[in-house]
Protein backbone atom coordinates (compact mmCIF):
# COMPACT_ATOMS: atom_id res chain seq x y z
CA MET A 1 0.00 0.00 0.00
CA ARG A 2 1.26 3.47 -0.90
CA LEU A 3 0.05 6.80 0.50
CA ASN A 4 1.53 9.46 -1.80
CA ASP A 5 5.24 8.58 -1.82
CA PHE A 6 5.14 6.65 1.48
CA THR A 7 5.07 2.85 1.37
CA VAL A 8 3.17 1.49 4.36
CA PRO A 9 5.62 -0.80 6.16
CA GLY A 10 4.99 -4.17 7.76
CA THR A 11 3.84 -7.65 6.86
CA GLU A 12 0.51 -9.48 6.87
CA LEU A 13 -1.19 -6.40 5.46
CA THR A 14 -4.97 -6.79 5.15
CA VAL A 15 -7.40 -4.15 3.95
CA THR A 16 -11.14 -4.29 4.57
CA GLY A 17 -13.38 -1.95 2.60
CA ASN A 18 -16.62 -0.58 4.02
CA LEU A 19 -19.44 1.23 2.20
CA ARG A 20 -22.30 2.55 4.34
CA ILE A 21 -25.66 3.59 2.91
CA GLU A 22 -27.74 5.50 5.46
CA THR A 23 -31.49 4.96 5.40
CA GLU A 24 -34.33 5.71 7.78
CA ASP A 25 -37.30 3.44 8.37
CA LEU A 26 -40.52 5.26 7.40
CA GLY A 27 -42.80 2.40 8.41
CA GLY A 28 -43.18 3.64 11.98
CA GLN A 29 -45.09 1.07 14.02
CA THR A 30 -46.41 -0.68 10.91
CA SER A 31 -44.93 -3.45 8.81
CA GLY A 32 -44.22 -0.97 5.99
CA THR A 33 -40.89 -1.24 4.23
CA ASP A 34 -40.58 2.36 3.02
CA ARG A 35 -37.19 3.89 3.69
CA ALA A 36 -35.80 7.40 3.28
CA ASN A 37 -32.41 7.69 1.64
CA LYS A 38 -30.07 9.68 3.88
CA GLY A 39 -27.08 9.47 1.60
CA ILE A 40 -24.08 7.34 0.82
CA LYS A 41 -21.38 7.94 3.38
CA PRO A 42 -17.70 8.06 2.43
CA LYS A 43 -16.10 4.65 2.07
CA THR A 44 -13.62 3.53 4.70
CA LEU A 45 -10.70 1.15 4.54
CA THR A 46 -9.69 -0.66 7.71
CA VAL A 47 -6.02 -1.61 7.55
CA SER A 48 -4.28 -4.20 9.70
CA LEU A 49 -0.60 -5.11 9.56
CA LEU A 50 2.27 -6.51 11.58
CA ILE A 51 5.48 -4.57 12.33
CA LEU A 52 8.40 -6.37 13.96
CA LYS A 53 9.90 -4.66 16.99
CA LYS A 54 13.35 -4.72 15.42
CA HIS A 55 11.84 -2.31 12.83
CA ALA A 56 10.48 0.17 15.40
CA SER A 57 11.38 3.11 13.17
CA ASP A 58 8.78 1.83 10.66
CA LEU A 59 6.07 2.24 13.29
CA THR A 60 7.39 5.71 14.15
CA ASP A 61 7.27 6.72 10.47
CA LEU A 62 3.73 5.37 10.08
CA VAL A 63 2.53 7.34 13.12
CA LYS A 64 4.10 10.51 11.68
CA VAL A 65 2.22 9.96 8.41
CA ALA A 66 -1.05 9.44 10.31
CA GLU A 67 -0.55 12.68 12.29
CA ALA A 68 0.64 14.83 9.37
CA GLU A 69 -1.22 18.06 8.71
CA ASP A 70 -1.31 20.38 5.75
CA GLY A 71 -0.43 24.08 5.92
CA ALA A 72 -3.95 24.98 7.16
CA GLY A 73 -3.80 22.62 10.15
CA LYS A 74 -6.10 19.99 8.64
CA LEU A 75 -5.26 16.30 8.43
CA ARG A 76 -3.30 15.56 5.30
CA VAL A 77 -5.04 13.97 2.31
CA TYR A 78 -3.17 11.12 0.61
CA ASP A 79 -3.47 9.61 -2.85
CA ILE A 80 -3.76 5.89 -2.24
CA VAL A 81 -2.43 3.02 -4.33
CA GLU A 82 -3.88 -0.29 -3.16
CA ASP A 83 -5.92 -3.05 -4.82
CA THR A 84 -9.00 -2.87 -2.55
CA ALA A 85 -9.04 0.95 -2.74
CA ARG A 86 -8.79 0.83 -6.53
CA ALA A 87 -11.58 -1.77 -6.76
CA MET A 88 -13.83 0.37 -4.53
CA ASN A 89 -12.99 3.51 -6.56
CA VAL A 90 -11.27 5.25 -3.63
CA ARG A 91 -8.56 7.60 -4.82
CA GLN A 92 -7.84 9.89 -1.88
CA VAL A 93 -7.98 9.14 1.85
CA GLN A 94 -7.42 10.67 5.28
CA PHE A 95 -6.63 8.90 8.53
CA THR A 96 -9.67 8.79 10.80
CA GLY A 97 -10.72 7.16 14.04
CA ALA A 98 -8.42 5.15 16.26
CA PHE A 99 -4.86 4.20 15.37
CA VAL A 100 -4.33 1.05 17.42
CA CYS A 101 -0.94 -0.50 18.13
CA LYS A 102 -1.12 -3.76 20.10
CA ASP A 103 2.03 -5.31 21.58
CA LEU A 104 2.42 -8.99 20.71
CA SER A 105 5.24 -9.76 23.17
CA PRO A 106 5.79 -13.44 22.38
CA SER A 107 6.26 -12.71 18.69
CA GLN A 108 8.28 -9.48 19.22
CA ALA A 109 5.93 -7.50 17.01
CA TRP A 110 3.09 -4.99 17.03
CA ARG A 111 -0.31 -5.55 15.47
CA VAL A 112 -1.21 -2.15 14.01
CA SER A 113 -4.66 -1.22 12.76
CA PHE A 114 -6.09 2.04 11.53
CA THR A 115 -8.88 3.39 9.36
CA LEU A 116 -8.63 5.48 6.22
CA ALA A 117 -11.70 7.46 5.17
CA GLU A 118 -12.38 8.40 1.57
CA TYR A 119 -11.86 12.08 0.86
CA LEU A 120 -14.22 13.87 -1.55
CA SER A 121 -16.15 10.77 -2.57
CA VAL A 122 -17.93 10.34 -5.89
CA ALA A 123 -21.28 10.43 -4.04
CA GLU A 124 -20.29 13.72 -2.40
CA LYS A 125 -19.28 15.26 -5.74
CA THR A 126 -22.57 14.10 -7.31
CA GLU A 127 -24.57 15.55 -4.41
CA GLN A 128 -22.76 18.89 -4.71
CA ARG A 129 -23.55 19.05 -8.43
CA ARG A 130 -27.21 18.17 -7.75
CA ASP A 131 -27.51 20.93 -5.15
CA LEU A 132 -26.24 23.55 -7.59
CA SER A 133 -28.71 22.54 -10.31
CA GLN A 134 -31.69 22.82 -7.94
CA VAL A 135 -31.26 26.55 -7.35
CA GLU A 136 -34.34 28.36 -8.62
CA ALA A 137 -34.85 31.99 -9.55
CA GLN A 138 -36.56 33.94 -6.77
CA GLN A 139 -39.66 36.03 -7.41
CA ALA A 140 -41.17 38.69 -5.19
CA THR A 141 -44.86 38.53 -4.35
CA GLY A 142 -47.13 41.59 -3.94
CA GLU A 143 -47.93 44.60 -6.04
CA THR A 144 -45.72 47.36 -7.32
CA ILE A 145 -46.19 50.75 -5.70
CA ALA A 146 -45.44 53.84 -7.82
CA ALA A 147 -43.82 56.85 -6.23
CA GLN A 148 -46.11 59.86 -5.69
CA GLU A 149 -44.99 62.91 -7.59
CA ASP A 150 -47.02 65.50 -5.63
CA ALA A 151 -45.71 64.92 -2.17
CA PRO A 152 -42.22 66.06 -1.35
CA ALA A 153 -39.84 63.25 -0.56
CA ALA A 154 -39.12 62.63 3.09
CA GLY A 155 -36.36 64.83 4.30
CA GLU A 156 -36.86 67.29 1.40
CA THR A 157 -37.40 70.89 2.54
CA LEU A 158 -39.29 73.48 0.50
CA THR A 159 -38.24 77.05 0.11
CA GLY A 160 -40.61 79.79 1.26
CA PHE A 161 -41.80 80.43 -2.30
CA GLU A 162 -42.36 76.70 -2.95
CA THR A 163 -44.36 76.42 0.30
CA PHE A 164 -46.54 79.36 -0.84
CA LEU A 165 -47.13 77.76 -4.27
CA SER A 166 -47.96 74.44 -2.59
CA LYS A 167 -50.66 76.13 -0.45
CA VAL A 168 -52.12 77.90 -3.52
CA ASP A 169 -52.11 74.60 -5.41
CA LYS A 170 -54.03 72.84 -2.62
CA ALA A 171 -56.54 75.72 -2.39
CA LEU A 172 -57.27 75.57 -6.12
CA ALA A 173 -57.63 71.80 -6.11
């Protein structure tokens, strides 16, 4: 398994892929089988491997890769090269969840397991595109009100002559 230019060390490497589809039961207290789709969650890959204690630096390097952050302080995203990942269409991953290192004293080795979560999944990209296409033009409801030409605008002051003409105009009307 490769994560960018880092080859994951160890032996007995096993990768388990997981795809979770969230649904909600709409049947309530009935025997109905209707379900609401709540989305396809990012795929995860659970990795298990064995690192011999005489290669302790391999474990140290793997922990450094798991803890690596980008310039913005977020967990680093890795391009993954691995058969199960390729078969499940997973191209980029991030470390997530627990990184477990179990001491196997009799065999002088550590059993290491960790989880990689898919980054920017195909389902997520599709959902983002769908959200953008559903934007509708907004329309205002109600009727249009025209401005009155006779009344002076709020805050507008009339000169003494204009006030006189306004009074004459109202008297003639």
